[in-house]
Amino acid sequence: MHSLLPTTATPSHNCQNGLNKTDVSDYVCTLYGDIPISPCPFTEVELAELDLHNELLVYLPAKLSMSELCTRFGIRANVNFENETMIKNVMVNEDQWFITSAHKTPELIYQTGLSAKRTYEDEGLHGMDLRRYIAFAATFKYKFGEFPDRTYWTFLLSGSYDRSGVSIVGFDSRGVLNHHGWMKNFKAKFLGSRYLVIAPRIELTPETETLPRAHRGRRGTQGKEADME
């Protein structure tokens, strides 16, 4: 299938600068076609601050498989999805809206997956899984014209690989998405992590609008889903 995304390295979609409903609809339609879209649970204020924090809004429809996502976005991968049974994803049956970093390289480089996961949990953040990562990569290319993490590896800290392993992914110099099952306690100077923000509300209502979202680098309980006093 022909890729729906631009192939040049020149940014061609700045629709996420001051997002409005039309921008969000255009973005989803370009990536996924004419599909029903679940309401975005992030507030207008949260969306307006994306550029300030160098972040992206990402949409991932329910039940699309890893193979279907790669085919739709024209992503070549080293995974034989037809026979792959070890890669486990989360929230497969739910439409997902999430916010993540717009940096072209991962963060927390030369830190283990265990350390990165603790850091994110302390801040009320989540990790990627492979479905989320593919949707993020397509969104990144939609905005910036190129895939992220070229020649870097990224821990996928949600989901799992086999029983106790973790997935690492990244794009090689030829633009192929590479995946391997790895060890959570490994670290390297070409391997990092990416965080994910889930909205602090199921839906936008006057009662939920002021609930605070999690932020990278902001420790504490404000961004967590639940806490005790």
C-alpha atoms as a PDB file:
ATOM      1  CA  MET A   1       0.000   0.000   0.000  1.00  0.00           C
ATOM      2  CA  HIS A   2       1.221   3.491  -0.806  1.00  0.00           C
ATOM      3  CA  SER A   3       2.220   5.421   2.291  1.00  0.00           C
ATOM      4  CA  LEU A   4      -0.236   8.093   3.376  1.00  0.00           C
ATOM      5  CA  LEU A   5       2.603  10.114   4.841  1.00  0.00           C
ATOM      6  CA  PRO A   6       5.049  12.585   3.278  1.00  0.00           C
ATOM      7  CA  THR A   7       8.369  11.074   2.225  1.00  0.00           C
ATOM      8  CA  THR A   8      10.587  14.155   2.342  1.00  0.00           C
ATOM      9  CA  ALA A   9      12.496  15.290   5.393  1.00  0.00           C
ATOM     10  CA  THR A  10      10.878  18.733   5.243  1.00  0.00           C
ATOM     11  CA  PRO A  11       8.151  19.426   7.817  1.00  0.00           C
ATOM     12  CA  SER A  12       4.867  19.667   5.913  1.00  0.00           C
ATOM     13  CA  HIS A  13       2.165  19.480   8.560  1.00  0.00           C
ATOM     14  CA  ASN A  14       2.168  21.938  11.425  1.00  0.00           C
ATOM     15  CA  CYS A  15      -1.431  21.179  12.292  1.00  0.00           C
ATOM     16  CA  GLN A  16      -0.468  20.342  15.855  1.00  0.00           C
ATOM     17  CA  ASN A  17       0.565  23.941  16.484  1.00  0.00           C
ATOM     18  CA  GLY A  18      -2.492  25.225  18.355  1.00  0.00           C
ATOM     19  CA  LEU A  19      -4.727  22.245  17.638  1.00  0.00           C
ATOM     20  CA  ASN A  20      -8.423  22.704  16.985  1.00  0.00           C
ATOM     21  CA  LYS A  21     -11.149  20.188  16.142  1.00  0.00           C
ATOM     22  CA  THR A  22     -10.602  20.556  12.394  1.00  0.00           C
ATOM     23  CA  ASP A  23      -6.860  19.992  12.744  1.00  0.00           C
ATOM     24  CA  VAL A  24      -7.432  16.865  14.814  1.00  0.00           C
ATOM     25  CA  SER A  25      -9.988  15.517  12.341  1.00  0.00           C
ATOM     26  CA  ASP A  26      -7.680  16.193   9.366  1.00  0.00           C
ATOM     27  CA  TYR A  27      -4.782  14.470  11.113  1.00  0.00           C
ATOM     28  CA  VAL A  28      -6.808  11.338  11.926  1.00  0.00           C
ATOM     29  CA  CYS A  29      -8.349  11.225   8.436  1.00  0.00           C
ATOM     30  CA  THR A  30      -4.935  11.484   6.761  1.00  0.00           C
ATOM     31  CA  LEU A  31      -3.476   8.650   8.813  1.00  0.00           C
ATOM     32  CA  TYR A  32      -6.472   6.319   9.091  1.00  0.00           C
ATOM     33  CA  GLY A  33      -8.984   7.331   6.449  1.00  0.00           C
ATOM     34  CA  ASP A  34     -12.661   8.073   7.025  1.00  0.00           C
ATOM     35  CA  ILE A  35     -13.239   6.294  10.339  1.00  0.00           C
ATOM     36  CA  PRO A  36     -15.310   7.076  13.440  1.00  0.00           C
ATOM     37  CA  ILE A  37     -13.177   9.080  15.876  1.00  0.00           C
ATOM     38  CA  SER A  38     -13.505   8.808  19.641  1.00  0.00           C
ATOM     39  CA  PRO A  39     -13.708  12.215  21.359  1.00  0.00           C
ATOM     40  CA  CYS A  40     -10.315  13.521  22.427  1.00  0.00           C
ATOM     41  CA  PRO A  41     -10.169  13.629  26.260  1.00  0.00           C
ATOM     42  CA  PHE A  42      -7.487  16.335  26.415  1.00  0.00           C
ATOM     43  CA  THR A  43      -8.595  19.924  27.038  1.00  0.00           C
ATOM     44  CA  GLU A  44      -8.053  22.858  24.682  1.00  0.00           C
ATOM     45  CA  VAL A  45      -5.530  24.253  27.162  1.00  0.00           C
ATOM     46  CA  GLU A  46      -3.578  20.977  27.227  1.00  0.00           C
ATOM     47  CA  LEU A  47      -3.529  20.826  23.429  1.00  0.00           C
ATOM     48  CA  ALA A  48      -2.455  24.457  23.154  1.00  0.00           C
ATOM     49  CA  GLU A  49       0.572  23.702  25.339  1.00  0.00           C
ATOM     50  CA  LEU A  50       1.907  20.842  23.193  1.00  0.00           C
ATOM     51  CA  ASP A  51       4.499  22.961  21.396  1.00  0.00           C
ATOM     52  CA  LEU A  52       5.599  24.544  24.668  1.00  0.00           C
ATOM     53  CA  HIS A  53       6.550  21.094  25.953  1.00  0.00           C
ATOM     54  CA  ASN A  54       7.686  19.806  22.526  1.00  0.00           C
ATOM     55  CA  GLU A  55       5.016  17.108  22.518  1.00  0.00           C
ATOM     56  CA  LEU A  56       2.712  15.383  20.032  1.00  0.00           C
ATOM     57  CA  LEU A  57      -0.906  14.271  20.240  1.00  0.00           C
ATOM     58  CA  VAL A  58      -1.337  10.726  18.903  1.00  0.00           C
ATOM     59  CA  TYR A  59      -4.478   8.757  18.018  1.00  0.00           C
ATOM     60  CA  LEU A  60      -4.572   4.951  17.871  1.00  0.00           C
ATOM     61  CA  PRO A  61      -7.861   3.273  16.881  1.00  0.00           C
ATOM     62  CA  ALA A  62      -8.879   0.075  18.625  1.00  0.00           C
ATOM     63  CA  LYS A  63      -8.124  -3.381  17.261  1.00  0.00           C
ATOM     64  CA  LEU A  64      -5.805  -2.377  14.415  1.00  0.00           C
ATOM     65  CA  SER A  65      -3.029  -4.960  14.467  1.00  0.00           C
ATOM     66  CA  MET A  66       0.688  -4.210  14.290  1.00  0.00           C
ATOM     67  CA  SER A  67       0.741  -5.557  10.746  1.00  0.00           C
ATOM     68  CA  GLU A  68      -2.257  -3.467   9.675  1.00  0.00           C
ATOM     69  CA  LEU A  69      -0.687  -0.321  11.117  1.00  0.00           C
ATOM     70  CA  CYS A  70       2.612  -0.906   9.318  1.00  0.00           C
ATOM     71  CA  THR A  71       0.828  -1.594   6.028  1.00  0.00           C
ATOM     72  CA  ARG A  72      -1.327   1.513   6.330  1.00  0.00           C
ATOM     73  CA  PHE A  73       1.645   3.761   7.048  1.00  0.00           C
ATOM     74  CA  GLY A  74       4.009   2.174   4.536  1.00  0.00           C
ATOM     75  CA  ILE A  75       6.380   1.067   7.302  1.00  0.00           C
ATOM     76  CA  ARG A  76       8.716  -1.815   6.505  1.00  0.00           C
ATOM     77  CA  ALA A  77       9.549  -3.966   9.528  1.00  0.00           C
ATOM     78  CA  ASN A  78      11.848  -6.880  10.330  1.00  0.00           C
ATOM     79  CA  VAL A  79       9.006  -8.692  12.127  1.00  0.00           C
ATOM     80  CA  ASN A  80       7.058 -11.584  10.609  1.00  0.00           C
ATOM     81  CA  PHE A  81       3.764 -10.429  12.096  1.00  0.00           C
ATOM     82  CA  GLU A  82       1.852 -13.409  10.717  1.00  0.00           C
ATOM     83  CA  ASN A  83       3.751 -15.764  13.019  1.00  0.00           C
ATOM     84  CA  GLU A  84       4.655 -13.382  15.852  1.00  0.00           C
ATOM     85  CA  THR A  85       3.241 -14.463  19.235  1.00  0.00           C
ATOM     86  CA  MET A  86       5.734 -13.047  21.749  1.00  0.00           C
ATOM     87  CA  ILE A  87       4.971  -9.321  21.433  1.00  0.00           C
ATOM     88  CA  LYS A  88       2.229  -8.264  23.846  1.00  0.00           C
ATOM     89  CA  ASN A  89       0.389  -4.930  23.576  1.00  0.00           C
ATOM     90  CA  VAL A  90      -1.964  -3.179  25.999  1.00  0.00           C
ATOM     91  CA  MET A  91      -5.420  -1.613  25.573  1.00  0.00           C
ATOM     92  CA  VAL A  92      -5.855  -3.285  22.178  1.00  0.00           C
ATOM     93  CA  ASN A  93      -9.660  -3.097  22.297  1.00  0.00           C
ATOM     94  CA  GLU A  94      -9.833   0.609  23.150  1.00  0.00           C
ATOM     95  CA  ASP A  95      -9.382   3.739  21.061  1.00  0.00           C
ATOM     96  CA  GLN A  96      -6.410   5.609  22.493  1.00  0.00           C
ATOM     97  CA  TRP A  97      -5.500   9.282  22.602  1.00  0.00           C
ATOM     98  CA  PHE A  98      -2.132  10.028  24.156  1.00  0.00           C
ATOM     99  CA  ILE A  99       0.574  12.671  24.298  1.00  0.00           C
ATOM    100  CA  THR A 100       4.267  11.919  23.900  1.00  0.00           C
ATOM    101  CA  SER A 101       7.594  13.621  23.250  1.00  0.00           C
ATOM    102  CA  ALA A 102       8.220  15.155  19.822  1.00  0.00           C
ATOM    103  CA  HIS A 103      11.998  14.797  20.108  1.00  0.00           C
ATOM    104  CA  LYS A 104      13.510  12.876  17.187  1.00  0.00           C
ATOM    105  CA  THR A 105      15.659  10.748  19.519  1.00  0.00           C
ATOM    106  CA  PRO A 106      14.688   8.885  22.705  1.00  0.00           C
ATOM    107  CA  GLU A 107      15.517  10.216  26.165  1.00  0.00           C
ATOM    108  CA  LEU A 108      17.057   8.562  29.238  1.00  0.00           C
ATOM    109  CA  ILE A 109      19.826   7.189  27.032  1.00  0.00           C
ATOM    110  CA  TYR A 110      22.269   4.861  28.814  1.00  0.00           C
ATOM    111  CA  GLN A 111      19.678   4.057  31.481  1.00  0.00           C
ATOM    112  CA  THR A 112      18.129   0.626  31.894  1.00  0.00           C
ATOM    113  CA  GLY A 113      14.508  -0.079  31.109  1.00  0.00           C
ATOM    114  CA  LEU A 114      13.936  -0.741  34.801  1.00  0.00           C
ATOM    115  CA  SER A 115      15.305   2.681  35.733  1.00  0.00           C
ATOM    116  CA  ALA A 116      13.321   4.469  33.025  1.00  0.00           C
ATOM    117  CA  LYS A 117      10.089   2.749  34.047  1.00  0.00           C
ATOM    118  CA  ARG A 118      10.576   3.822  37.674  1.00  0.00           C
ATOM    119  CA  THR A 119      11.196   7.399  36.552  1.00  0.00           C
ATOM    120  CA  TYR A 120       8.015   7.468  34.492  1.00  0.00           C
ATOM    121  CA  GLU A 121       5.900   5.830  37.189  1.00  0.00           C
ATOM    122  CA  ASP A 122       7.094   8.413  39.738  1.00  0.00           C
ATOM    123  CA  GLU A 123       5.752  11.114  37.410  1.00  0.00           C
ATOM    124  CA  GLY A 124       2.445   9.413  36.559  1.00  0.00           C
ATOM    125  CA  LEU A 125       3.605   8.586  33.034  1.00  0.00           C
ATOM    126  CA  HIS A 126       3.328   5.418  30.961  1.00  0.00           C
ATOM    127  CA  GLY A 127       5.487   3.680  28.349  1.00  0.00           C
ATOM    128  CA  MET A 128       5.010   2.701  24.732  1.00  0.00           C
ATOM    129  CA  ASP A 129       4.074  -0.679  23.327  1.00  0.00           C
ATOM    130  CA  LEU A 130       4.605  -1.620  19.677  1.00  0.00           C
ATOM    131  CA  ARG A 131       1.146  -0.522  18.461  1.00  0.00           C
ATOM    132  CA  ARG A 132       1.539   2.804  20.238  1.00  0.00           C
ATOM    133  CA  TYR A 133       5.040   3.220  18.874  1.00  0.00           C
ATOM    134  CA  ILE A 134       3.944   2.623  15.269  1.00  0.00           C
ATOM    135  CA  ALA A 135       1.138   5.189  15.649  1.00  0.00           C
ATOM    136  CA  PHE A 136       3.602   7.642  17.208  1.00  0.00           C
ATOM    137  CA  ALA A 137       6.140   7.096  14.405  1.00  0.00           C
ATOM    138  CA  ALA A 138       3.471   7.749  11.771  1.00  0.00           C
ATOM    139  CA  THR A 139       2.337  10.898  13.584  1.00  0.00           C
ATOM    140  CA  PHE A 140       5.940  12.093  13.882  1.00  0.00           C
ATOM    141  CA  LYS A 141       6.442  11.609  10.145  1.00  0.00           C
ATOM    142  CA  TYR A 142       3.116  13.332   9.424  1.00  0.00           C
ATOM    143  CA  LYS A 143       4.400  16.452  11.171  1.00  0.00           C
ATOM    144  CA  PHE A 144       8.138  16.389  10.500  1.00  0.00           C
ATOM    145  CA  GLY A 145       8.483  14.407   7.258  1.00  0.00           C
ATOM    146  CA  GLU A 146      10.775  11.713   8.673  1.00  0.00           C
ATOM    147  CA  PHE A 147      10.663   8.847  11.132  1.00  0.00           C
ATOM    148  CA  PRO A 148      12.076   9.244  14.663  1.00  0.00           C
ATOM    149  CA  ASP A 149      14.819   7.209  16.330  1.00  0.00           C
ATOM    150  CA  ARG A 150      16.965   6.685  13.235  1.00  0.00           C
ATOM    151  CA  THR A 151      19.837   4.402  14.309  1.00  0.00           C
ATOM    152  CA  TYR A 152      18.662   4.569  17.953  1.00  0.00           C
ATOM    153  CA  TRP A 153      16.804   1.938  19.966  1.00  0.00           C
ATOM    154  CA  THR A 154      13.881   2.657  22.289  1.00  0.00           C
ATOM    155  CA  PHE A 155      12.536   0.557  25.168  1.00  0.00           C
ATOM    156  CA  LEU A 156       8.798  -0.209  24.930  1.00  0.00           C
ATOM    157  CA  LEU A 157       7.953  -0.080  28.626  1.00  0.00           C
ATOM    158  CA  SER A 158       4.275  -1.011  28.344  1.00  0.00           C
ATOM    159  CA  GLY A 159       3.298  -4.408  27.047  1.00  0.00           C
ATOM    160  CA  SER A 160       5.964  -7.099  27.168  1.00  0.00           C
ATOM    161  CA  TYR A 161       8.014  -9.561  25.158  1.00  0.00           C
ATOM    162  CA  ASP A 162       7.526 -13.244  25.992  1.00  0.00           C
ATOM    163  CA  ARG A 163       7.083 -13.674  29.759  1.00  0.00           C
ATOM    164  CA  SER A 164       9.610 -11.327  31.343  1.00  0.00           C
ATOM    165  CA  GLY A 165      11.388  -9.573  28.497  1.00  0.00           C
ATOM    166  CA  VAL A 166      10.922  -6.141  26.964  1.00  0.00           C
ATOM    167  CA  SER A 167      10.763  -4.964  23.371  1.00  0.00           C
ATOM    168  CA  ILE A 168      13.243  -2.510  21.903  1.00  0.00           C
ATOM    169  CA  VAL A 169      12.571  -0.810  18.553  1.00  0.00           C
ATOM    170  CA  GLY A 170      14.053   1.758  16.227  1.00  0.00           C
ATOM    171  CA  PHE A 171      14.488   2.649  12.561  1.00  0.00           C
ATOM    172  CA  ASP A 172      17.704   1.665  10.825  1.00  0.00           C
ATOM    173  CA  SER A 173      19.575   3.818   8.304  1.00  0.00           C
ATOM    174  CA  ARG A 174      17.350   2.482   5.500  1.00  0.00           C
ATOM    175  CA  GLY A 175      14.127   3.398   7.267  1.00  0.00           C
ATOM    176  CA  VAL A 176      13.201  -0.155   8.285  1.00  0.00           C
ATOM    177  CA  LEU A 177      11.535  -0.601  11.678  1.00  0.00           C
ATOM    178  CA  ASN A 178      13.579  -3.092  13.680  1.00  0.00           C
ATOM    179  CA  HIS A 179      12.273  -4.939  16.744  1.00  0.00           C
ATOM    180  CA  HIS A 180      14.041  -7.245  19.186  1.00  0.00           C
ATOM    181  CA  GLY A 181      13.141  -8.879  22.482  1.00  0.00           C
ATOM    182  CA  TRP A 182      15.625  -7.696  25.091  1.00  0.00           C
ATOM    183  CA  MET A 183      16.495  -7.450  28.801  1.00  0.00           C
ATOM    184  CA  LYS A 184      15.048  -4.736  31.051  1.00  0.00           C
ATOM    185  CA  ASN A 185      18.314  -4.344  32.973  1.00  0.00           C
ATOM    186  CA  PHE A 186      20.395  -3.626  29.857  1.00  0.00           C
ATOM    187  CA  LYS A 187      21.723  -0.156  29.042  1.00  0.00           C
ATOM    188  CA  ALA A 188      23.653   1.301  26.110  1.00  0.00           C
ATOM    189  CA  LYS A 189      24.577   4.682  24.676  1.00  0.00           C
ATOM    190  CA  PHE A 190      22.335   4.088  21.659  1.00  0.00           C
ATOM    191  CA  LEU A 191      19.291   2.949  23.673  1.00  0.00           C
ATOM    192  CA  GLY A 192      16.739   5.128  25.467  1.00  0.00           C
ATOM    193  CA  SER A 193      13.043   5.357  26.330  1.00  0.00           C
ATOM    194  CA  ARG A 194       9.903   7.308  25.464  1.00  0.00           C
ATOM    195  CA  TYR A 195       7.104   8.335  27.804  1.00  0.00           C
ATOM    196  CA  LEU A 196       3.385   8.514  27.193  1.00  0.00           C
ATOM    197  CA  VAL A 197       0.719  10.690  28.821  1.00  0.00           C
ATOM    198  CA  ILE A 198      -2.783   9.279  29.169  1.00  0.00           C
ATOM    199  CA  ALA A 199      -5.479  11.878  29.783  1.00  0.00           C
ATOM    200  CA  PRO A 200      -6.462  12.256  33.463  1.00  0.00           C
ATOM    201  CA  ARG A 201     -10.126  11.843  32.539  1.00  0.00           C
ATOM    202  CA  ILE A 202     -12.323   9.398  30.633  1.00  0.00           C
ATOM    203  CA  GLU A 203     -14.252  12.221  29.013  1.00  0.00           C
ATOM    204  CA  LEU A 204     -14.340  15.998  29.062  1.00  0.00           C
ATOM    205  CA  THR A 205     -17.013  17.388  31.378  1.00  0.00           C
ATOM    206  CA  PRO A 206     -17.169  20.485  33.586  1.00  0.00           C
ATOM    207  CA  GLU A 207     -16.331  18.219  36.535  1.00  0.00           C
ATOM    208  CA  THR A 208     -13.250  16.606  34.917  1.00  0.00           C
ATOM    209  CA  GLU A 209     -11.845  19.506  32.898  1.00  0.00           C
ATOM    210  CA  THR A 210      -9.600  20.797  35.676  1.00  0.00           C
ATOM    211  CA  LEU A 211      -8.030  17.435  36.561  1.00  0.00           C
ATOM    212  CA  PRO A 212      -4.240  17.824  36.116  1.00  0.00           C
ATOM    213  CA  ARG A 213      -2.346  15.753  33.552  1.00  0.00           C
ATOM    214  CA  ALA A 214       1.071  14.218  34.155  1.00  0.00           C
ATOM    215  CA  HIS A 215       4.162  16.045  32.903  1.00  0.00           C
ATOM    216  CA  ARG A 216       7.654  14.798  32.156  1.00  0.00           C
ATOM    217  CA  GLY A 217      10.094  15.949  34.807  1.00  0.00           C
ATOM    218  CA  ARG A 218       7.371  16.765  37.330  1.00  0.00           C
ATOM    219  CA  ARG A 219       7.458  14.269  40.181  1.00  0.00           C
ATOM    220  CA  GLY A 220       4.576  13.922  42.586  1.00  0.00           C
ATOM    221  CA  THR A 221       1.058  12.590  42.756  1.00  0.00           C
ATOM    222  CA  GLN A 222      -0.820  15.209  40.727  1.00  0.00           C
ATOM    223  CA  GLY A 223      -0.597  13.390  37.428  1.00  0.00           C
ATOM    224  CA  LYS A 224      -1.347   9.926  38.811  1.00  0.00           C
ATOM    225  CA  GLU A 225      -4.706   8.247  38.342  1.00  0.00           C
ATOM    226  CA  ALA A 226      -5.157   7.538  42.059  1.00  0.00           C
ATOM    227  CA  ASP A 227      -3.424   8.295  45.347  1.00  0.00           C
ATOM    228  CA  MET A 228      -3.885   8.300  49.121  1.00  0.00           C
ATOM    229  CA  GLU A 229      -3.626  11.056  51.719  1.00  0.00           C
END
